[in-house]
């Protein structure tokens, strides 16, 4: 079925046809540009400061953002990827025919190329006096900006793009009309660059591991599954880089990291998206205390690079990212918040009973570790505003983590929380292949096949461990969540260019 065009679009299509009739190519391939908008202004201001007599000439390109015809002259603004620049078009300079062409056949949203000399208007705005111009792209659909446009003698007001779902579905339009959104993704790029620079400067080697994996693992999550026709096998989109990165420690690398996409077939909310970006690293001869120190240094460094400060405003709260961050045992934090001493309840039944005594929900099918994790999620996480490390977790929800020497039921694991949100998860990694195999078998016995906490047996990973894996500390952090913190953004969809959405109901 042919697309039905709106009245505004039909008007623009008519302009497109008239331009073509006049021999104007509305979509040329060759573009000329000598300066960006910022470069043109900077060159002009430098010449002004030096008292230069020679005019600054420039050829600029960009999207038309405003047009103000005023008889024999027209003021306009174009916007490129660096800023805005005012254009001044005058009939005496370009001829009345060209001025009419610009005023009548060009629209807001069109891309144009303009050449001329820089000057300063009576309002002191640095401006390009246009000597020639041409169309680069004719925009058929008006951008959803709050602008008025004259159509058949009537003023038509373009609506502002504010609806979040529409913004996410049409991110291209969102970026085009909302400069604050563009700024978020510029900062996101800065976050990734800063993380990479920090890891590189600390001697870590950046590597790439498989996205399609024959066995998923490294996290408690439900994977996406696909089928490879030639290999005739199921493959899984990775839920974590962990097991492949740790194999590299066996191979002789001491410090490795990866920044890339993970995929988890899980719920969608303000801090979860099925496809997201992770930083994971593994550090030979380090433990979770070493990783704690590196974590707080890394986050503080990234804030410095992106914002120029370690004091961050987030949703009305002031967060101090300066190391050192408080360190609190999980047991002590839960005892203070709920009155339950998890060490006094060594099995699921006992712990569930203690929870029910306090009118707290306790699923009778949950393991002790899952009950503890639910207490953490419900009572600790929402209240951890300033960056805080919670450490020493139950063994049965941490199958890849080394146990405490004095308590085999507790593992050397920590999570960092900021602004009521988990930021990262880290361990002293288990490197005993016999213990690891036993953990995998326990998970198979204690968890249902469809339980996200159930970790499949990875025989090749065990084979790698049997060759000998050095003691090491590991770390995983959501880059999207860190970006949320550093851009004062409450929803993960605001920091992912193309978030996943439910199919729109017609």
Protein backbone atom coordinates (compact mmCIF):
# COMPACT_ATOMS: atom_id res chain seq x y z
CA UNK A 1 0.00 0.00 0.00
CA UNK A 2 1.36 3.41 -1.00
CA UNK A 3 2.12 5.76 1.84
CA UNK A 4 -0.35 8.57 2.46
CA UNK A 5 1.37 11.92 2.86
CA UNK A 6 0.20 14.67 5.17
CA UNK A 7 -0.69 18.13 3.92
CA UNK A 8 2.69 19.44 5.02
CA UNK A 9 4.50 16.59 3.29
CA UNK A 10 2.49 17.09 0.09
CA UNK A 11 3.47 20.77 0.08
CA UNK A 12 7.12 19.83 0.40
CA UNK A 13 6.81 17.24 -2.36
CA UNK A 14 5.44 19.96 -4.62
CA UNK A 15 8.47 22.10 -3.80
CA UNK A 16 10.71 19.15 -4.56
CA UNK A 17 9.12 18.78 -7.99
CA UNK A 18 9.51 22.49 -8.74
CA UNK A 19 13.17 22.39 -7.75
CA UNK A 20 13.78 19.47 -10.08
CA UNK A 21 11.96 21.29 -12.88
CA UNK A 22 14.41 24.19 -12.40
CA UNK A 23 17.38 21.84 -12.71
CA UNK A 24 18.16 21.72 -8.99
CA UNK A 25 19.41 18.34 -7.76
CA UNK A 26 17.73 17.98 -4.34
CA UNK A 27 20.08 15.18 -3.26
CA UNK A 28 23.57 15.87 -4.70
CA UNK A 29 26.43 13.56 -3.81
CA UNK A 30 29.31 16.04 -3.74
CA UNK A 31 29.56 18.40 -0.79
CA UNK A 32 32.03 21.19 -0.22
CA UNK A 33 32.88 22.48 3.26
CA UNK A 34 35.81 24.59 4.41
CA UNK A 35 34.68 25.23 7.99
CA UNK A 36 32.31 23.83 10.56
CA UNK A 37 30.02 26.39 12.17
CA UNK A 38 32.31 26.70 15.17
CA UNK A 39 35.43 26.90 13.02
CA UNK A 40 33.96 29.71 10.94
CA UNK A 41 33.11 31.76 14.03
CA UNK A 42 36.47 31.01 15.64
CA UNK A 43 38.40 32.08 12.52
CA UNK A 44 36.36 35.26 12.31
CA UNK A 45 36.89 36.16 15.96
CA UNK A 46 40.60 35.47 15.67
CA UNK A 47 40.83 37.79 12.65
CA UNK A 48 38.85 40.46 14.54
CA UNK A 49 41.18 40.24 17.51
CA UNK A 50 44.22 40.57 15.24
CA UNK A 51 42.73 43.53 13.38
CA UNK A 52 43.06 41.74 10.04
CA UNK A 53 41.78 43.54 6.95
CA UNK A 54 41.23 40.43 4.84
CA UNK A 55 37.71 39.02 5.19
CA UNK A 56 37.18 35.48 6.42
CA UNK A 57 35.51 33.42 3.72
CA UNK A 58 33.88 30.12 4.51
CA UNK A 59 31.75 27.39 3.02
CA UNK A 60 29.52 25.78 5.62
CA UNK A 61 26.87 23.07 5.62
CA UNK A 62 24.04 22.14 7.93
CA UNK A 63 20.35 21.72 8.58
CA UNK A 64 18.07 24.77 8.32
CA UNK A 65 16.70 25.53 11.79
CA UNK A 66 15.14 28.97 11.26
CA UNK A 67 14.17 31.27 8.39
CA UNK A 68 13.11 34.93 8.67
CA UNK A 69 12.35 36.55 5.31
CA UNK A 70 12.33 40.37 5.60
CA UNK A 71 11.68 41.80 2.14
CA UNK A 72 14.98 42.03 0.30
CA UNK A 73 16.85 40.14 2.99
CA UNK A 74 16.49 36.86 4.85
CA UNK A 75 18.08 35.71 8.07
CA UNK A 76 18.43 31.98 8.68
CA UNK A 77 20.24 29.62 11.01
CA UNK A 78 21.87 26.35 10.09
CA UNK A 79 22.98 23.68 12.53
CA UNK A 80 25.76 21.16 11.98
CA UNK A 81 27.23 18.60 14.38
CA UNK A 82 29.22 21.30 16.16
CA UNK A 83 26.90 24.26 16.63
CA UNK A 84 24.78 26.92 14.90
CA UNK A 85 25.61 29.71 12.49
CA UNK A 86 23.48 32.57 11.25
CA UNK A 87 23.16 33.12 7.50
CA UNK A 88 22.40 36.48 5.92
CA UNK A 89 20.97 36.40 2.41
CA UNK A 90 20.42 39.63 0.48
CA UNK A 91 18.96 40.20 -2.98
CA UNK A 92 21.78 42.65 -3.77
CA UNK A 93 24.32 39.85 -3.17
CA UNK A 94 22.67 36.77 -4.68
CA UNK A 95 19.92 38.23 -6.86
CA UNK A 96 16.17 38.37 -6.25
CA UNK A 97 15.57 35.09 -8.08
CA UNK A 98 17.91 33.16 -5.80
CA UNK A 99 16.48 34.82 -2.71
CA UNK A 100 12.96 33.88 -3.81
CA UNK A 101 14.13 30.32 -4.45
CA UNK A 102 15.48 30.11 -0.93
CA UNK A 103 12.46 31.71 0.71
CA UNK A 104 9.78 29.80 -1.24
CA UNK A 105 11.28 26.37 -1.97
CA UNK A 106 13.51 25.70 1.04
CA UNK A 107 12.07 24.45 4.33
CA UNK A 108 13.11 23.99 7.92
CA UNK A 109 14.91 20.67 8.16
CA UNK A 110 16.51 20.91 4.70
CA UNK A 111 20.28 20.55 4.53
CA UNK A 112 22.06 23.37 2.71
CA UNK A 113 25.54 24.48 1.71
CA UNK A 114 26.37 28.20 1.88
CA UNK A 115 29.46 30.22 0.99
CA UNK A 116 30.36 33.79 1.78
CA UNK A 117 32.18 36.20 4.07
CA UNK A 118 31.88 36.41 7.81
CA UNK A 119 30.68 39.67 9.38
CA UNK A 120 29.03 40.89 12.56
CA UNK A 121 25.45 42.13 12.58
CA UNK A 122 24.14 45.12 14.50
CA UNK A 123 23.15 42.67 17.26
CA UNK A 124 26.81 41.52 17.32
CA UNK A 125 26.10 37.98 16.10
CA UNK A 126 28.84 36.43 13.96
CA UNK A 127 27.13 35.77 10.64
CA UNK A 128 27.87 34.45 7.15
CA UNK A 129 26.96 36.91 4.38
CA UNK A 130 25.91 34.41 1.72
CA UNK A 131 27.21 34.85 -1.81
CA UNK A 132 25.98 31.47 -3.04
CA UNK A 133 24.09 28.49 -1.70
CA UNK A 134 22.68 25.16 -2.80
CA UNK A 135 20.39 22.45 -1.53
CA UNK A 136 22.00 19.29 -0.17
CA UNK A 137 18.93 17.38 1.05
CA UNK A 138 15.24 18.12 0.75
CA UNK A 139 13.42 17.07 3.92
CA UNK A 140 9.98 15.66 3.09
CA UNK A 141 8.68 15.20 6.63
CA UNK A 142 8.86 18.25 8.91
CA UNK A 143 10.85 17.72 12.08
CA UNK A 144 8.67 17.64 15.21
CA UNK A 145 9.97 20.96 16.47
CA UNK A 146 8.00 23.83 17.97
CA UNK A 147 8.14 25.97 14.86
CA UNK A 148 5.50 27.81 12.85
CA UNK A 149 5.21 27.27 9.12
CA UNK A 150 3.00 29.06 6.59
CA UNK A 151 1.00 26.56 4.50
CA UNK A 152 -1.62 27.81 2.03
CA UNK A 153 -1.94 31.04 3.95
CA UNK A 154 -2.38 29.26 7.27
CA UNK A 155 0.11 29.13 10.14
CA UNK A 156 0.78 25.52 11.08
CA UNK A 157 2.45 24.85 14.41
CA UNK A 158 4.78 21.86 14.48
CA UNK A 159 4.46 19.85 17.68
CA UNK A 160 7.38 19.41 20.06
CA UNK A 161 8.79 15.87 20.34
CA UNK A 162 8.32 15.10 24.02
CA UNK A 163 6.57 11.74 24.32
CA UNK A 164 9.25 9.28 25.59
CA UNK A 165 8.05 6.29 23.59
CA UNK A 166 7.91 8.28 20.36
CA UNK A 167 11.36 9.66 21.11
CA UNK A 168 12.79 6.15 21.58
CA UNK A 169 11.09 4.78 18.46
CA UNK A 170 12.21 7.76 16.38
CA UNK A 171 15.59 8.43 17.94
CA UNK A 172 16.75 10.07 14.72
CA UNK A 173 14.09 12.76 15.15
CA UNK A 174 14.75 12.96 18.88
CA UNK A 175 18.42 13.72 18.25
CA UNK A 176 17.59 16.19 15.50
CA UNK A 177 15.32 18.38 17.64
CA UNK A 178 16.57 17.84 21.20
CA UNK A 179 20.17 19.00 21.66
CA UNK A 180 20.18 17.86 25.29
CA UNK A 181 19.67 14.29 24.05
CA UNK A 182 22.62 14.63 21.67
CA UNK A 183 24.66 15.80 24.65
CA UNK A 184 23.81 12.63 26.59
CA UNK A 185 25.30 10.45 23.89
CA UNK A 186 28.36 12.65 23.55
CA UNK A 187 28.90 12.12 27.28
CA UNK A 188 28.28 8.39 26.85
CA UNK A 189 31.06 8.25 24.27
CA UNK A 190 33.23 10.10 26.78
CA UNK A 191 32.41 7.49 29.44
CA UNK A 192 33.52 4.64 27.18
CA UNK A 193 36.68 6.50 26.15
CA UNK A 194 37.55 7.23 29.78
CA UNK A 195 36.99 3.62 30.85
CA UNK A 196 39.15 2.38 28.02
CA UNK A 197 41.91 4.88 28.83
CA UNK A 198 41.82 3.89 32.50
CA UNK A 199 42.07 0.18 31.78
CA UNK A 200 44.84 0.69 29.23
CA UNK A 201 46.84 2.88 31.61
CA UNK A 202 46.62 0.16 34.27
CA UNK A 203 48.17 -2.44 32.01
CA UNK A 204 45.03 -4.26 30.89
CA UNK A 205 44.82 -5.72 27.39
CA UNK A 206 41.60 -5.12 25.47
CA UNK A 207 40.30 -8.29 23.80
CA UNK A 208 37.19 -9.57 22.04
CA UNK A 209 35.33 -12.74 22.97
CA UNK A 210 32.52 -14.60 21.15
CA UNK A 211 29.03 -13.14 21.11
CA UNK A 212 27.55 -16.41 19.84
CA UNK A 213 28.40 -19.14 22.34
CA UNK A 214 27.62 -22.88 22.40
CA UNK A 215 27.16 -22.71 26.19
CA UNK A 216 26.07 -19.57 27.98
CA UNK A 217 27.46 -18.71 31.38
CA UNK A 218 29.12 -16.18 33.65
CA UNK A 219 25.91 -14.67 35.03
CA UNK A 220 22.49 -15.57 36.40
CA UNK A 221 20.28 -14.77 33.42
CA UNK A 222 18.06 -16.34 30.77
CA UNK A 223 19.77 -16.29 27.35
CA UNK A 224 18.50 -15.67 23.85
CA UNK A 225 18.88 -18.78 21.72
CA UNK A 226 19.33 -19.15 17.97
CA UNK A 227 20.20 -21.96 15.58
CA UNK A 228 23.15 -22.20 13.21
CA UNK A 229 22.06 -24.06 10.09
CA UNK A 230 25.45 -25.25 8.86
CA UNK A 231 26.81 -26.23 12.26
CA UNK A 232 23.41 -27.76 13.13
CA UNK A 233 23.52 -26.55 16.71
CA UNK A 234 21.89 -24.14 19.08
CA UNK A 235 23.92 -21.06 19.92
CA UNK A 236 23.31 -18.47 22.62
CA UNK A 237 23.82 -14.73 22.60
CA UNK A 238 26.26 -14.19 25.42
CA UNK A 239 25.01 -13.11 28.82
CA UNK A 240 28.54 -12.39 30.04
CA UNK A 241 32.16 -12.29 28.83
CA UNK A 242 33.42 -13.95 32.01
CA UNK A 243 34.22 -17.53 31.13
CA UNK A 244 35.98 -16.62 27.89
CA UNK A 245 38.00 -13.84 29.48
CA UNK A 246 39.17 -16.13 32.29
CA UNK A 247 40.30 -18.72 29.75
CA UNK A 248 42.79 -16.07 28.60
CA UNK A 249 44.36 -15.99 32.06
CA UNK A 250 45.06 -19.68 31.61
CA UNK A 251 46.77 -18.76 28.32
CA UNK A 252 49.20 -16.40 30.03
CA UNK A 253 47.65 -12.94 29.92
CA UNK A 254 47.54 -11.35 33.36
CA UNK A 255 45.15 -8.43 32.80
CA UNK A 256 42.38 -8.51 30.20
CA UNK A 257 39.20 -6.54 29.65
CA UNK A 258 36.36 -6.16 27.17
CA UNK A 259 33.78 -3.47 26.55
CA UNK A 260 30.88 -4.81 24.54
CA UNK A 261 27.29 -5.99 24.32
CA UNK A 262 25.59 -8.58 26.49
CA UNK A 263 22.12 -9.97 25.88
CA UNK A 264 19.73 -11.20 28.56
CA UNK A 265 16.20 -12.41 27.97
CA UNK A 266 14.84 -10.66 31.03
CA UNK A 267 12.45 -7.95 32.14
CA UNK A 268 12.57 -4.35 30.98
CA UNK A 269 12.52 -1.52 33.51
CA UNK A 270 14.28 1.75 34.31
CA UNK A 271 17.64 0.01 34.81
CA UNK A 272 17.33 -3.05 32.52
CA UNK A 273 17.34 -3.46 28.75
CA UNK A 274 17.67 -6.85 26.99
CA UNK A 275 20.75 -5.59 25.11
CA UNK A 276 23.26 -3.56 27.10
CA UNK A 277 26.93 -2.62 27.30
CA UNK A 278 29.29 -4.13 29.87
CA UNK A 279 32.84 -3.61 30.98
CA UNK A 280 34.40 -6.77 32.36
CA UNK A 281 37.99 -7.29 33.44
CA UNK A 282 40.02 -10.11 35.00
CA UNK A 283 43.21 -9.45 36.92
CA UNK A 284 45.66 -12.22 37.74
CA UNK A 285 47.13 -12.29 41.26
CA UNK A 286 44.50 -9.86 42.56
CA UNK A 287 41.59 -10.46 44.93
CA UNK A 288 38.29 -8.69 45.52
CA UNK A 289 39.87 -6.12 47.83
CA UNK A 290 42.29 -5.12 45.05
CA UNK A 291 39.32 -4.91 42.66
CA UNK A 292 37.40 -2.70 45.10
CA UNK A 293 40.23 -0.18 45.13
CA UNK A 294 40.52 -0.22 41.33
CA UNK A 295 36.74 0.16 40.96
CA UNK A 296 36.43 3.33 43.01
CA UNK A 297 39.49 4.80 41.30
CA UNK A 298 38.04 3.98 37.87
CA UNK A 299 34.62 5.52 38.53
CA UNK A 300 36.18 8.65 40.03
CA UNK A 301 38.56 8.96 37.06
CA UNK A 302 35.69 8.60 34.59
CA UNK A 303 33.68 11.31 36.36
CA UNK A 304 36.74 13.57 36.22
CA UNK A 305 37.15 13.03 32.49
CA UNK A 306 33.48 13.39 31.55
CA UNK A 307 32.28 16.04 34.01
CA UNK A 308 35.44 17.58 35.45
CA UNK A 309 34.30 16.74 38.98
CA UNK A 310 33.75 13.80 41.32
CA UNK A 311 30.77 15.43 43.01
CA UNK A 312 27.83 14.41 40.82
CA UNK A 313 24.26 15.65 40.89
CA UNK A 314 21.82 12.84 40.28
CA UNK A 315 18.04 13.23 40.49
CA UNK A 316 18.21 15.91 43.15
CA UNK A 317 20.92 14.17 45.18
CA UNK A 318 24.60 15.03 45.47
CA UNK A 319 26.82 11.96 45.09
CA UNK A 320 30.43 11.99 46.24
CA UNK A 321 32.43 9.57 44.08
CA UNK A 322 35.76 10.30 45.76
CA UNK A 323 37.52 7.20 47.09
CA UNK A 324 37.49 5.48 49.47
CA UNK A 325 33.89 4.27 49.40
CA UNK A 326 32.29 2.75 52.50
CA UNK A 327 32.61 -1.03 52.79
CA UNK A 328 29.86 -2.94 54.61
CA UNK A 329 29.43 -6.70 55.05
CA UNK A 330 26.17 -8.01 53.66
CA UNK A 331 25.39 -9.71 56.99
CA UNK A 332 25.88 -6.49 58.98
CA UNK A 333 23.87 -4.38 56.53
CA UNK A 334 20.91 -6.80 56.60
CA UNK A 335 21.01 -7.12 60.38
CA UNK A 336 20.85 -3.34 60.75
CA UNK A 337 18.06 -2.93 58.19
CA UNK A 338 15.84 -5.96 58.84
CA UNK A 339 16.87 -7.24 62.25
CA UNK A 340 17.64 -10.65 60.72
CA UNK A 341 21.06 -12.20 61.35
CA UNK A 342 21.55 -14.37 58.29
CA UNK A 343 24.42 -16.22 59.99
CA UNK A 344 21.94 -17.48 62.58
CA UNK A 345 19.85 -19.10 59.82
CA UNK A 346 22.01 -21.62 58.00
CA UNK A 347 19.29 -23.12 55.80
CA UNK A 348 16.47 -21.82 53.64
CA UNK A 349 13.69 -23.05 55.91
CA UNK A 350 15.07 -21.28 58.97
CA UNK A 351 15.69 -18.03 57.10
CA UNK A 352 12.23 -18.12 55.49
CA UNK A 353 10.72 -18.57 58.93
CA UNK A 354 12.59 -15.54 60.29
CA UNK A 355 11.37 -13.50 57.34
CA UNK A 356 7.74 -14.54 57.80
CA UNK A 357 7.95 -13.63 61.50
CA UNK A 358 8.61 -10.08 60.32
CA UNK A 359 5.78 -10.23 57.73
CA UNK A 360 8.25 -10.42 54.86
CA UNK A 361 7.57 -12.46 51.75
CA UNK A 362 9.57 -15.69 51.51
CA UNK A 363 9.09 -18.13 48.65
CA UNK A 364 9.29 -21.65 50.13
CA UNK A 365 10.95 -22.91 46.92
CA UNK A 366 13.86 -20.42 47.15
CA UNK A 367 17.32 -21.41 48.31
CA UNK A 368 18.90 -19.62 51.25
CA UNK A 369 21.02 -17.56 48.89
CA UNK A 370 18.03 -16.40 46.85
CA UNK A 371 16.20 -15.38 50.01
CA UNK A 372 19.21 -13.33 51.09
CA UNK A 373 19.38 -11.76 47.64
CA UNK A 374 15.71 -10.78 47.85
CA UNK A 375 16.35 -9.09 51.21
CA UNK A 376 19.23 -7.18 49.68
CA UNK A 377 17.12 -6.06 46.70
CA UNK A 378 14.14 -5.02 48.81
CA UNK A 379 15.76 -3.42 51.85
CA UNK A 380 19.34 -2.45 51.06
CA UNK A 381 19.65 -1.50 47.40
CA UNK A 382 16.98 1.28 47.34
CA UNK A 383 18.59 2.97 50.35
CA UNK A 384 22.22 2.90 49.22
CA UNK A 385 22.52 6.38 47.77
CA UNK A 386 26.18 7.28 48.26
CA UNK A 387 28.59 4.83 46.60
CA UNK A 388 28.92 1.82 48.87
CA UNK A 389 30.49 -1.63 48.63
CA UNK A 390 28.43 -4.49 50.05
CA UNK A 391 30.60 -7.59 50.36
CA UNK A 392 30.74 -11.27 51.41
CA UNK A 393 27.80 -13.06 49.78
CA UNK A 394 26.27 -16.54 50.15
CA UNK A 395 27.99 -19.30 48.24
CA UNK A 396 24.92 -20.75 46.52
CA UNK A 397 24.21 -17.60 44.45
CA UNK A 398 27.86 -17.11 43.49
CA UNK A 399 28.95 -20.29 41.68
CA UNK A 400 32.13 -18.80 40.18
CA UNK A 401 33.46 -17.16 43.33
CA UNK A 402 36.14 -18.25 45.81
CA UNK A 403 34.95 -19.05 49.34
CA UNK A 404 36.23 -17.27 52.44
CA UNK A 405 39.05 -19.26 54.04
CA UNK A 406 37.25 -19.29 57.40
CA UNK A 407 33.71 -19.89 56.10
CA UNK A 408 33.11 -22.03 52.99
CA UNK A 409 29.46 -20.88 52.79
CA UNK A 410 30.49 -17.24 52.25
CA UNK A 411 32.33 -16.08 49.12
CA UNK A 412 34.62 -13.15 48.37
CA UNK A 413 32.17 -11.14 46.34
CA UNK A 414 31.12 -7.50 46.38
CA UNK A 415 28.63 -5.28 44.64
CA UNK A 416 28.84 -1.50 44.39
CA UNK A 417 25.63 0.48 44.81
CA UNK A 418 25.08 4.14 43.94
CA UNK A 419 21.83 6.13 43.93
CA UNK A 420 19.80 3.06 44.89
CA UNK A 421 21.11 1.08 41.93
CA UNK A 422 23.60 -1.75 41.51
CA UNK A 423 26.58 -0.45 39.55
CA UNK A 424 28.90 -3.45 39.43
CA UNK A 425 29.52 -7.00 40.61
CA UNK A 426 32.96 -8.46 41.37
CA UNK A 427 34.65 -11.53 42.86
CA UNK A 428 37.78 -13.18 43.93
CA UNK A 429 37.42 -15.72 41.17
CA UNK A 430 37.25 -19.45 41.86
CA UNK A 431 40.29 -21.13 40.28
CA UNK A 432 39.99 -24.63 41.75
CA UNK A 433 38.63 -26.82 38.92
CA UNK A 434 37.39 -29.53 41.28
CA UNK A 435 35.48 -27.05 43.42
CA UNK A 436 34.11 -25.38 40.28
CA UNK A 437 32.81 -28.70 38.92
CA UNK A 438 31.18 -29.41 42.27
CA UNK A 439 29.48 -25.99 42.19
CA UNK A 440 28.09 -26.65 38.70
CA UNK A 441 26.72 -30.00 39.85
CA UNK A 442 25.12 -28.38 42.90
CA UNK A 443 23.40 -25.82 40.70
CA UNK A 444 22.05 -28.62 38.54
CA UNK A 445 20.58 -30.40 41.56
CA UNK A 446 19.25 -27.42 43.51
CA UNK A 447 17.71 -25.33 40.75
CA UNK A 448 14.95 -26.05 38.28
CA UNK A 449 15.88 -26.25 34.62
CA UNK A 450 14.16 -22.94 33.85
CA UNK A 451 15.61 -21.08 36.87
CA UNK A 452 17.75 -18.13 35.82
CA UNK A 453 20.14 -18.83 38.71
CA UNK A 454 20.95 -22.28 37.34
CA UNK A 455 24.38 -22.28 35.73
CA UNK A 456 25.02 -24.83 32.97
CA UNK A 457 28.04 -27.12 33.09
CA UNK A 458 30.80 -25.86 30.79
CA UNK A 459 33.18 -28.78 30.27
CA UNK A 460 35.61 -26.77 28.15
CA UNK A 461 35.88 -24.09 30.82
CA UNK A 462 36.63 -26.81 33.37
CA UNK A 463 39.27 -28.25 31.03
CA UNK A 464 40.89 -24.82 30.83
CA UNK A 465 40.89 -24.54 34.63
CA UNK A 466 42.55 -27.94 34.97
CA UNK A 467 45.52 -26.62 33.00
CA UNK A 468 45.93 -24.16 35.84
CA UNK A 469 44.32 -20.74 36.30
CA UNK A 470 46.18 -18.16 38.39
CA UNK A 471 44.43 -16.58 41.37
CA UNK A 472 42.51 -13.60 40.05
CA UNK A 473 39.91 -10.96 40.69
CA UNK A 474 37.08 -10.27 38.25
CA UNK A 475 34.69 -7.39 37.68
CA UNK A 476 31.60 -6.53 35.64
CA UNK A 477 29.87 -3.15 35.33
CA UNK A 478 27.00 -1.86 33.24
CA UNK A 479 28.29 1.04 31.15
CA UNK A 480 24.72 2.20 30.60
CA UNK A 481 24.13 2.57 34.35
CA UNK A 482 27.35 4.51 34.84
CA UNK A 483 26.25 6.77 31.99
CA UNK A 484 22.89 7.26 33.72
CA UNK A 485 24.70 8.46 36.83
CA UNK A 486 26.99 10.85 34.97
CA UNK A 487 24.20 12.35 32.84
CA UNK A 488 21.60 12.67 35.61
CA UNK A 489 19.28 10.34 33.70
CA UNK A 490 16.69 8.22 35.56
CA UNK A 491 15.92 5.68 32.82
CA UNK A 492 18.32 3.39 30.95
CA UNK A 493 16.37 3.97 27.73
CA UNK A 494 17.59 7.56 27.74
CA UNK A 495 21.24 6.45 27.43
CA UNK A 496 20.79 3.69 24.83
CA UNK A 497 20.37 4.99 21.33
CA UNK A 498 17.93 2.29 20.26
CA UNK A 499 16.30 0.69 23.33
CA UNK A 500 14.03 -2.30 22.95
CA UNK A 501 10.30 -1.57 23.08
CA UNK A 502 7.13 -3.59 22.97
CA UNK A 503 5.49 -3.77 19.57
CA UNK A 504 3.18 -0.82 19.21
CA UNK A 505 -0.49 -1.74 19.30
CA UNK A 506 -2.42 -0.34 16.36
